Protein backbone atom coordinates (compact mmCIF):
# COMPACT_ATOMS: atom_id res chain seq x y z
CA UNK A 1 0.06 0.52 0.15
CA UNK A 2 1.39 3.00 -1.02
CA UNK A 3 0.25 6.42 0.98
CA UNK A 4 -0.01 10.11 -1.06
CA UNK A 5 -0.79 12.81 0.25
CA UNK A 6 -1.78 14.22 -2.58
CA UNK A 7 -5.72 12.30 -1.53
CA UNK A 8 -6.12 13.96 1.43
CA UNK A 9 -6.75 17.41 -0.99
CA UNK A 10 -8.86 16.41 -3.06
CA UNK A 11 -12.50 15.00 -3.94
CA UNK A 12 -12.95 10.92 -2.48
CA UNK A 13 -16.75 11.63 -4.22
CA UNK A 14 -16.96 8.22 -6.35
CA UNK A 15 -13.71 6.95 -5.09
CA UNK A 16 -14.02 3.19 -4.56
CA UNK A 17 -13.03 2.19 -0.13
CA UNK A 18 -12.59 -0.67 1.23
CA UNK A 19 -12.22 0.07 5.69
CA UNK A 20 -8.34 -1.89 7.08
CA UNK A 21 -9.84 -1.37 10.46
CA UNK A 22 -12.42 0.47 13.15
CA UNK A 23 -12.57 1.17 16.66
CA UNK A 24 -16.05 -0.22 15.21
CA UNK A 25 -15.44 -4.17 13.85
CA UNK A 26 -17.99 -5.01 12.22
CA UNK A 27 -17.70 -1.68 10.28
CA UNK A 28 -14.08 -2.99 9.01
CA UNK A 29 -13.38 -4.51 5.38
CA UNK A 30 -16.56 -2.95 4.57
CA UNK A 31 -16.29 -2.40 1.22
CA UNK A 32 -18.41 0.94 -1.10
CA UNK A 33 -18.10 3.52 -3.90
CA UNK A 34 -18.09 6.78 -1.79
CA UNK A 35 -21.80 9.25 -1.91
CA UNK A 36 -20.93 11.80 -0.13
CA UNK A 37 -19.16 12.89 2.68
CA UNK A 38 -19.56 15.11 5.75
CA UNK A 39 -17.17 17.27 8.18
CA UNK A 40 -16.84 14.22 10.30
CA UNK A 41 -18.71 10.85 8.24
CA UNK A 42 -17.57 9.51 5.02
CA UNK A 43 -21.09 8.08 3.16
CA UNK A 44 -21.05 5.34 1.53
CA UNK A 45 -23.43 3.22 -1.39
CA UNK A 46 -23.46 -1.04 -0.58
CA UNK A 47 -25.97 -3.11 -2.23
CA UNK A 48 -27.80 0.49 -3.53
CA UNK A 49 -27.83 1.08 0.73
CA UNK A 50 -26.70 4.02 2.84
CA UNK A 51 -24.06 3.96 5.29
CA UNK A 52 -22.24 6.65 7.58
CA UNK A 53 -19.03 5.68 8.17
CA UNK A 54 -17.57 7.91 11.27
CA UNK A 55 -14.49 9.25 9.73
CA UNK A 56 -12.24 9.81 12.26
CA UNK A 57 -12.53 6.19 14.04
CA UNK A 58 -11.32 4.56 10.60
CA UNK A 59 -8.76 3.73 8.48
CA UNK A 60 -9.12 3.27 4.14
CA UNK A 61 -7.87 1.48 1.66
CA UNK A 62 -8.97 3.44 -1.12
CA UNK A 63 -8.58 2.57 -5.42
CA UNK A 64 -8.18 5.35 -7.63
CA UNK A 65 -9.58 6.35 -11.51
CA UNK A 66 -5.98 4.15 -12.36
CA UNK A 67 -6.00 1.36 -10.33
CA UNK A 68 -3.72 2.82 -7.25
CA UNK A 69 -4.48 1.74 -4.44
CA UNK A 70 -3.54 4.45 -0.40
CA UNK A 71 -3.74 3.66 2.46
CA UNK A 72 -5.17 6.84 4.51
CA UNK A 73 -5.85 7.69 8.26
CA UNK A 74 -8.99 8.75 8.77
CA UNK A 75 -8.01 11.41 11.17
CA UNK A 76 -6.61 13.66 7.85
CA UNK A 77 -9.62 13.79 6.09
CA UNK A 78 -11.71 15.18 8.83
CA UNK A 79 -12.71 18.46 8.29
CA UNK A 80 -15.15 19.78 5.77
CA UNK A 81 -13.92 18.83 2.51
CA UNK A 82 -13.96 22.59 1.05
CA UNK A 83 -11.73 23.34 4.21
CA UNK A 84 -9.09 20.22 3.67
CA UNK A 85 -8.64 21.33 0.21
CA UNK A 86 -7.04 24.59 1.86
CA UNK A 87 -5.33 23.14 3.87
CA UNK A 88 -0.99 22.29 4.26
CA UNK A 89 0.33 19.52 4.95
CA UNK A 90 3.74 18.83 6.74
CA UNK A 91 6.10 15.55 5.68
CA UNK A 92 7.42 13.40 8.27
CA UNK A 93 9.19 10.79 5.60
């Protein structure tokens, strides 16, 4: 899995995602397409039903349209989507 800071500042709606880890064990390995996002949640579409996931308590695996897989901690995604685009990201590597 590759971690890239560019996804933190980009649009998530429409991406395929999977929950790798969560404090709620029933949410782990949940897959779906991202329909919407709010400040604290991501809304998945799975089997025709919407499922709301709290960002802060989960680690997500996103699949980009080119097939690249990324792992992002949900704590980095907390915030309004329009404000997250403006956020400066410190690189630790």
